[in-house]
PDB file of N, CA and C in Angstrom:
ATOM      1  N   MET A   1       0.255 -23.586  -1.332  1.00  0.00           N
ATOM      2  CA  MET A   1      -0.682 -22.572  -0.294  1.00  0.00           C
ATOM      3  C   MET A   1      -0.812 -23.457   0.858  1.00  0.00           C
ATOM      4  N   ARG A   2      -1.037 -22.048   1.810  1.00  0.00           N
ATOM      5  CA  ARG A   2      -0.967 -22.694   3.253  1.00  0.00           C
ATOM      6  C   ARG A   2      -2.512 -22.821   3.071  1.00  0.00           C
ATOM      7  N   ASN A   3      -3.037 -24.113   4.212  1.00  0.00           N
ATOM      8  CA  ASN A   3      -4.244 -23.516   4.529  1.00  0.00           C
ATOM      9  C   ASN A   3      -4.462 -23.266   6.015  1.00  0.00           C
ATOM     10  N   GLU A   4      -4.836 -21.812   6.221  1.00  0.00           N
ATOM     11  CA  GLU A   4      -5.112 -21.240   7.461  1.00  0.00           C
ATOM     12  C   GLU A   4      -6.831 -21.232   7.970  1.00  0.00           C
ATOM     13  N   SER A   5      -6.988 -22.415   7.932  1.00  0.00           N
ATOM     14  CA  SER A   5      -8.917 -22.792   8.379  1.00  0.00           C
ATOM     15  C   SER A   5      -9.021 -22.620   9.633  1.00  0.00           C
ATOM     16  N   PRO A   6      -9.609 -22.280  10.561  1.00  0.00           N
ATOM     17  CA  PRO A   6     -10.269 -22.587  11.512  1.00  0.00           C
ATOM     18  C   PRO A   6      -9.735 -23.710  12.230  1.00  0.00           C
ATOM     19  N   ILE A   7      -9.599 -23.624  13.680  1.00  0.00           N
ATOM     20  CA  ILE A   7      -9.355 -25.108  14.261  1.00  0.00           C
ATOM     21  C   ILE A   7     -10.348 -26.061  13.411  1.00  0.00           C
ATOM     22  N   GLY A   8     -10.503 -27.147  13.418  1.00  0.00           N
ATOM     23  CA  GLY A   8     -11.242 -28.101  13.178  1.00  0.00           C
ATOM     24  C   GLY A   8     -11.921 -28.389  12.066  1.00  0.00           C
ATOM     25  N   PHE A   9     -11.428 -27.176  11.061  1.00  0.00           N
ATOM     26  CA  PHE A   9     -11.732 -26.778   9.605  1.00  0.00           C
ATOM     27  C   PHE A   9     -10.884 -27.357   8.928  1.00  0.00           C
ATOM     28  N   THR A  10     -11.399 -27.660   7.364  1.00  0.00           N
ATOM     29  CA  THR A  10     -10.643 -28.032   6.355  1.00  0.00           C
ATOM     30  C   THR A  10     -10.985 -27.256   5.115  1.00  0.00           C
ATOM     31  N   THR A  11     -10.540 -26.532   4.414  1.00  0.00           N
ATOM     32  CA  THR A  11     -10.944 -25.869   3.337  1.00  0.00           C
ATOM     33  C   THR A  11     -10.732 -26.604   1.672  1.00  0.00           C
ATOM     34  N   THR A  12     -11.155 -26.526   0.517  1.00  0.00           N
ATOM     35  CA  THR A  12     -11.360 -27.289  -0.621  1.00  0.00           C
ATOM     36  C   THR A  12     -11.104 -25.889  -1.528  1.00  0.00           C
ATOM     37  N   VAL A  13     -10.094 -25.861  -2.055  1.00  0.00           N
ATOM     38  CA  VAL A  13      -9.851 -24.547  -3.030  1.00  0.00           C
ATOM     39  C   VAL A  13     -10.632 -24.821  -4.512  1.00  0.00           C
ATOM     40  N   SER A  14     -11.600 -24.421  -5.157  1.00  0.00           N
ATOM     41  CA  SER A  14     -12.189 -24.923  -6.340  1.00  0.00           C
ATOM     42  C   SER A  14     -11.873 -23.825  -7.713  1.00  0.00           C
ATOM     43  N   ALA A  15     -11.152 -22.473  -7.137  1.00  0.00           N
ATOM     44  CA  ALA A  15     -10.788 -21.499  -7.976  1.00  0.00           C
ATOM     45  C   ALA A  15     -10.305 -20.419  -7.055  1.00  0.00           C
ATOM     46  N   LEU A  16      -9.200 -20.155  -7.957  1.00  0.00           N
ATOM     47  CA  LEU A  16      -8.320 -19.355  -7.269  1.00  0.00           C
ATOM     48  C   LEU A  16      -7.089 -17.985  -8.581  1.00  0.00           C
ATOM     49  N   ASP A  17      -7.473 -16.695  -8.928  1.00  0.00           N
ATOM     50  CA  ASP A  17      -7.034 -16.520  -9.808  1.00  0.00           C
ATOM     51  C   ASP A  17      -6.482 -14.722  -8.734  1.00  0.00           C
ATOM     52  N   ALA A  18      -5.077 -15.080  -8.338  1.00  0.00           N
ATOM     53  CA  ALA A  18      -4.576 -14.087  -7.551  1.00  0.00           C
ATOM     54  C   ALA A  18      -4.068 -12.717  -8.033  1.00  0.00           C
ATOM     55  N   ARG A  19      -5.043 -11.708  -8.438  1.00  0.00           N
ATOM     56  CA  ARG A  19      -4.715 -10.942  -9.207  1.00  0.00           C
ATOM     57  C   ARG A  19      -6.045  -9.848  -8.449  1.00  0.00           C
ATOM     58  N   PRO A  20      -5.579  -9.015  -8.344  1.00  0.00           N
ATOM     59  CA  PRO A  20      -6.526  -7.625  -8.454  1.00  0.00           C
ATOM     60  C   PRO A  20      -7.945  -7.760  -9.379  1.00  0.00           C
ATOM     61  N   GLY A  21      -9.357  -7.965  -8.471  1.00  0.00           N
ATOM     62  CA  GLY A  21     -10.088  -8.555  -9.209  1.00  0.00           C
ATOM     63  C   GLY A  21     -10.879  -9.879  -9.596  1.00  0.00           C
ATOM     64  N   GLY A  22      -9.467 -10.934  -8.966  1.00  0.00           N
ATOM     65  CA  GLY A  22      -9.907 -11.994  -9.200  1.00  0.00           C
ATOM     66  C   GLY A  22     -10.676 -12.718  -8.864  1.00  0.00           C
ATOM     67  N   ALA A  23     -10.850 -14.025  -8.566  1.00  0.00           N
ATOM     68  CA  ALA A  23     -12.204 -14.286  -8.069  1.00  0.00           C
ATOM     69  C   ALA A  23     -11.293 -15.814  -7.384  1.00  0.00           C
ATOM     70  N   PHE A  24     -11.894 -15.929  -6.105  1.00  0.00           N
ATOM     71  CA  PHE A  24     -11.296 -16.788  -4.995  1.00  0.00           C
ATOM     72  C   PHE A  24     -12.502 -17.946  -4.877  1.00  0.00           C
ATOM     73  N   LEU A  25     -12.937 -18.721  -5.211  1.00  0.00           N
ATOM     74  CA  LEU A  25     -13.382 -20.065  -5.099  1.00  0.00           C
ATOM     75  C   LEU A  25     -13.253 -21.056  -3.791  1.00  0.00           C
ATOM     76  N   PHE A  26     -13.955 -21.360  -2.543  1.00  0.00           N
ATOM     77  CA  PHE A  26     -13.715 -22.133  -1.537  1.00  0.00           C
ATOM     78  C   PHE A  26     -15.262 -22.342  -0.769  1.00  0.00           C
ATOM     79  N   ASP A  27     -14.686 -23.693  -0.438  1.00  0.00           N
ATOM     80  CA  ASP A  27     -15.628 -24.290   0.763  1.00  0.00           C
ATOM     81  C   ASP A  27     -14.776 -24.701   1.968  1.00  0.00           C
ATOM     82  N   MET A  28     -15.994 -23.973   3.112  1.00  0.00           N
ATOM     83  CA  MET A  28     -14.739 -24.878   4.157  1.00  0.00           C
ATOM     84  C   MET A  28     -15.265 -25.236   5.277  1.00  0.00           C
ATOM     85  N   HIS A  29     -15.296 -26.452   5.139  1.00  0.00           N
ATOM     86  CA  HIS A  29     -16.062 -27.911   5.648  1.00  0.00           C
ATOM     87  C   HIS A  29     -15.542 -27.710   7.490  1.00  0.00           C
ATOM     88  N   GLY A  30     -16.749 -27.829   8.123  1.00  0.00           N
ATOM     89  CA  GLY A  30     -16.751 -27.924   9.741  1.00  0.00           C
ATOM     90  C   GLY A  30     -16.654 -29.014  10.173  1.00  0.00           C
ATOM     91  N   PRO A  31     -16.201 -29.415  11.667  1.00  0.00           N
ATOM     92  CA  PRO A  31     -16.040 -30.452  12.431  1.00  0.00           C
ATOM     93  C   PRO A  31     -16.862 -31.592  12.081  1.00  0.00           C
ATOM     94  N   ASP A  32     -18.437 -30.822  12.072  1.00  0.00           N
ATOM     95  CA  ASP A  32     -19.554 -31.604  12.208  1.00  0.00           C
ATOM     96  C   ASP A  32     -19.907 -32.145  10.825  1.00  0.00           C
ATOM     97  N   GLY A  33     -19.181 -31.625   9.553  1.00  0.00           N
ATOM     98  CA  GLY A  33     -20.072 -31.843   8.806  1.00  0.00           C
ATOM     99  C   GLY A  33     -20.407 -30.740   7.741  1.00  0.00           C
ATOM    100  N   THR A  34     -20.837 -29.201   8.273  1.00  0.00           N
ATOM    101  CA  THR A  34     -21.610 -28.599   7.602  1.00  0.00           C
ATOM    102  C   THR A  34     -20.316 -27.956   6.580  1.00  0.00           C
ATOM    103  N   VAL A  35     -20.654 -27.761   5.345  1.00  0.00           N
ATOM    104  CA  VAL A  35     -19.927 -27.306   4.225  1.00  0.00           C
ATOM    105  C   VAL A  35     -20.387 -25.730   3.677  1.00  0.00           C
ATOM    106  N   PHE A  36     -19.703 -24.675   4.092  1.00  0.00           N
ATOM    107  CA  PHE A  36     -19.844 -23.480   4.079  1.00  0.00           C
ATOM    108  C   PHE A  36     -19.255 -22.716   3.081  1.00  0.00           C
ATOM    109  N   PRO A  37     -19.945 -22.364   1.873  1.00  0.00           N
ATOM    110  CA  PRO A  37     -19.584 -22.248   0.404  1.00  0.00           C
ATOM    111  C   PRO A  37     -18.775 -21.031   0.498  1.00  0.00           C
ATOM    112  N   MET A  38     -18.087 -20.559  -0.086  1.00  0.00           N
ATOM    113  CA  MET A  38     -17.465 -18.910  -0.180  1.00  0.00           C
ATOM    114  C   MET A  38     -16.781 -18.847  -0.860  1.00  0.00           C
ATOM    115  N   GLU A  39     -17.366 -16.911  -1.351  1.00  0.00           N
ATOM    116  CA  GLU A  39     -16.339 -16.704  -2.196  1.00  0.00           C
ATOM    117  C   GLU A  39     -15.846 -15.137  -2.623  1.00  0.00           C
ATOM    118  N   ALA A  40     -14.601 -15.232  -2.520  1.00  0.00           N
ATOM    119  CA  ALA A  40     -14.143 -13.786  -2.565  1.00  0.00           C
ATOM    120  C   ALA A  40     -13.624 -13.242  -3.859  1.00  0.00           C
ATOM    121  N   VAL A  41     -13.075 -12.206  -3.810  1.00  0.00           N
ATOM    122  CA  VAL A  41     -12.628 -11.417  -4.705  1.00  0.00           C
ATOM    123  C   VAL A  41     -11.510 -10.427  -4.138  1.00  0.00           C
ATOM    124  N   PHE A  42     -10.284 -10.892  -4.800  1.00  0.00           N
ATOM    125  CA  PHE A  42      -9.081 -10.139  -4.595  1.00  0.00           C
ATOM    126  C   PHE A  42      -8.805  -8.700  -4.823  1.00  0.00           C
ATOM    127  N   THR A  43      -8.516  -7.970  -3.977  1.00  0.00           N
ATOM    128  CA  THR A  43      -8.380  -6.211  -4.194  1.00  0.00           C
ATOM    129  C   THR A  43      -6.774  -5.695  -3.916  1.00  0.00           C
ATOM    130  N   GLU A  44      -6.118  -6.367  -3.966  1.00  0.00           N
ATOM    131  CA  GLU A  44      -4.458  -6.107  -3.384  1.00  0.00           C
ATOM    132  C   GLU A  44      -3.515  -7.170  -3.692  1.00  0.00           C
ATOM    133  N   VAL A  45      -2.860  -7.369  -4.734  1.00  0.00           N
ATOM    134  CA  VAL A  45      -1.363  -8.376  -4.724  1.00  0.00           C
ATOM    135  C   VAL A  45      -0.629  -7.945  -4.782  1.00  0.00           C
ATOM    136  N   GLU A  46       0.092  -8.038  -3.785  1.00  0.00           N
ATOM    137  CA  GLU A  46       1.426  -7.445  -3.913  1.00  0.00           C
ATOM    138  C   GLU A  46       2.814  -8.619  -3.573  1.00  0.00           C
ATOM    139  N   GLU A  47       2.780  -9.313  -4.477  1.00  0.00           N
ATOM    140  CA  GLU A  47       3.714 -10.970  -4.238  1.00  0.00           C
ATOM    141  C   GLU A  47       5.118 -10.585  -3.626  1.00  0.00           C
ATOM    142  N   PRO A  48       6.301 -11.375  -2.709  1.00  0.00           N
ATOM    143  CA  PRO A  48       5.713 -12.063  -2.243  1.00  0.00           C
ATOM    144  C   PRO A  48       4.694 -11.996  -0.541  1.00  0.00           C
ATOM    145  N   GLU A  49       4.669 -10.638  -0.469  1.00  0.00           N
ATOM    146  CA  GLU A  49       4.202 -10.194   0.984  1.00  0.00           C
ATOM    147  C   GLU A  49       2.544 -10.137   1.518  1.00  0.00           C
ATOM    148  N   ARG A  50       1.942  -9.515   0.397  1.00  0.00           N
ATOM    149  CA  ARG A  50       0.257  -9.478   0.490  1.00  0.00           C
ATOM    150  C   ARG A  50      -0.589  -9.882  -0.375  1.00  0.00           C
ATOM    151  N   LEU A  51      -1.602 -10.608   0.204  1.00  0.00           N
ATOM    152  CA  LEU A  51      -3.154 -10.757  -0.717  1.00  0.00           C
ATOM    153  C   LEU A  51      -4.086 -10.296   0.296  1.00  0.00           C
ATOM    154  N   VAL A  52      -4.654  -9.619   0.056  1.00  0.00           N
ATOM    155  CA  VAL A  52      -6.082  -8.782   0.305  1.00  0.00           C
ATOM    156  C   VAL A  52      -7.038  -9.537  -0.527  1.00  0.00           C
ATOM    157  N   PHE A  53      -8.380 -10.136   0.479  1.00  0.00           N
ATOM    158  CA  PHE A  53      -9.262 -10.549  -0.137  1.00  0.00           C
ATOM    159  C   PHE A  53     -10.754  -9.869   0.392  1.00  0.00           C
ATOM    160  N   ILE A  54     -11.579  -9.838  -0.217  1.00  0.00           N
ATOM    161  CA  ILE A  54     -12.975  -9.974   0.760  1.00  0.00           C
ATOM    162  C   ILE A  54     -13.797 -10.694   0.388  1.00  0.00           C
ATOM    163  N   THR A  55     -14.470 -11.593   1.101  1.00  0.00           N
ATOM    164  CA  THR A  55     -14.602 -12.582   0.994  1.00  0.00           C
ATOM    165  C   THR A  55     -16.394 -12.630   1.806  1.00  0.00           C
ATOM    166  N   THR A  56     -17.553 -13.612   1.063  1.00  0.00           N
ATOM    167  CA  THR A  56     -18.932 -13.763   1.313  1.00  0.00           C
ATOM    168  C   THR A  56     -19.305 -15.123   1.548  1.00  0.00           C
ATOM    169  N   ARG A  57     -20.173 -15.496   2.404  1.00  0.00           N
ATOM    170  CA  ARG A  57     -20.900 -16.789   2.206  1.00  0.00           C
ATOM    171  C   ARG A  57     -21.620 -16.799   0.867  1.00  0.00           C
ATOM    172  N   ILE A  58     -21.308 -17.757  -0.141  1.00  0.00           N
ATOM    173  CA  ILE A  58     -22.607 -17.701  -1.017  1.00  0.00           C
ATOM    174  C   ILE A  58     -24.020 -17.587  -0.927  1.00  0.00           C
ATOM    175  N   MET A  59     -24.259 -18.351   0.545  1.00  0.00           N
ATOM    176  CA  MET A  59     -25.983 -18.685   0.684  1.00  0.00           C
ATOM    177  C   MET A  59     -26.397 -16.970   1.528  1.00  0.00           C
ATOM    178  N   GLU A  60     -25.498 -16.130   1.320  1.00  0.00           N
ATOM    179  CA  GLU A  60     -25.991 -14.662   2.055  1.00  0.00           C
ATOM    180  C   GLU A  60     -27.163 -14.255   1.226  1.00  0.00           C
ATOM    181  N   GLY A  61     -27.502 -13.360   1.661  1.00  0.00           N
ATOM    182  CA  GLY A  61     -28.458 -12.393   0.700  1.00  0.00           C
ATOM    183  C   GLY A  61     -27.955 -11.535  -0.058  1.00  0.00           C
ATOM    184  N   GLU A  62     -28.029 -10.758  -1.431  1.00  0.00           N
ATOM    185  CA  GLU A  62     -27.223  -9.815  -2.018  1.00  0.00           C
ATOM    186  C   GLU A  62     -27.780  -8.810  -1.065  1.00  0.00           C
ATOM    187  N   GLY A  63     -26.694  -7.865  -1.136  1.00  0.00           N
ATOM    188  CA  GLY A  63     -26.119  -6.530  -0.255  1.00  0.00           C
ATOM    189  C   GLY A  63     -25.905  -6.674   1.492  1.00  0.00           C
ATOM    190  N   GLU A  64     -25.767  -8.097   1.611  1.00  0.00           N
ATOM    191  CA  GLU A  64     -25.287  -8.132   2.778  1.00  0.00           C
ATOM    192  C   GLU A  64     -23.932  -7.681   3.148  1.00  0.00           C
ATOM    193  N   GLU A  65     -23.602  -7.297   3.748  1.00  0.00           N
ATOM    194  CA  GLU A  65     -21.806  -6.770   4.635  1.00  0.00           C
ATOM    195  C   GLU A  65     -21.101  -8.253   4.286  1.00  0.00           C
ATOM    196  N   PRO A  66     -19.863  -8.293   3.545  1.00  0.00           N
ATOM    197  CA  PRO A  66     -18.852  -8.961   4.049  1.00  0.00           C
ATOM    198  C   PRO A  66     -18.906  -9.556   5.806  1.00  0.00           C
ATOM    199  N   GLN A  67     -18.621 -10.738   5.047  1.00  0.00           N
ATOM    200  CA  GLN A  67     -18.104 -11.441   6.741  1.00  0.00           C
ATOM    201  C   GLN A  67     -16.821 -11.615   7.335  1.00  0.00           C
ATOM    202  N   LEU A  68     -15.921 -11.375   5.864  1.00  0.00           N
ATOM    203  CA  LEU A  68     -14.071 -11.308   6.477  1.00  0.00           C
ATOM    204  C   LEU A  68     -14.067 -10.346   5.608  1.00  0.00           C
ATOM    205  N   GLU A  69     -12.676 -10.042   6.369  1.00  0.00           N
ATOM    206  CA  GLU A  69     -12.030  -8.946   4.637  1.00  0.00           C
ATOM    207  C   GLU A  69     -10.325  -8.896   5.801  1.00  0.00           C
TER     208      GLU A  69
END
């Protein structure tokens, strides 16, 4: 899997179930050492062209809007 983290960030993946409804758990590591735990759910999978998922920071409160889609 290709890592497309923002410049200066790295990503560690702990779970990846690439199917609709499957989980994607990962940590983004900032250049200053801050770790951003993230979770996502795949909504569309069309091999090999398309992966769609909705992700949020794990530390966000329940009911908050997703940060990335």
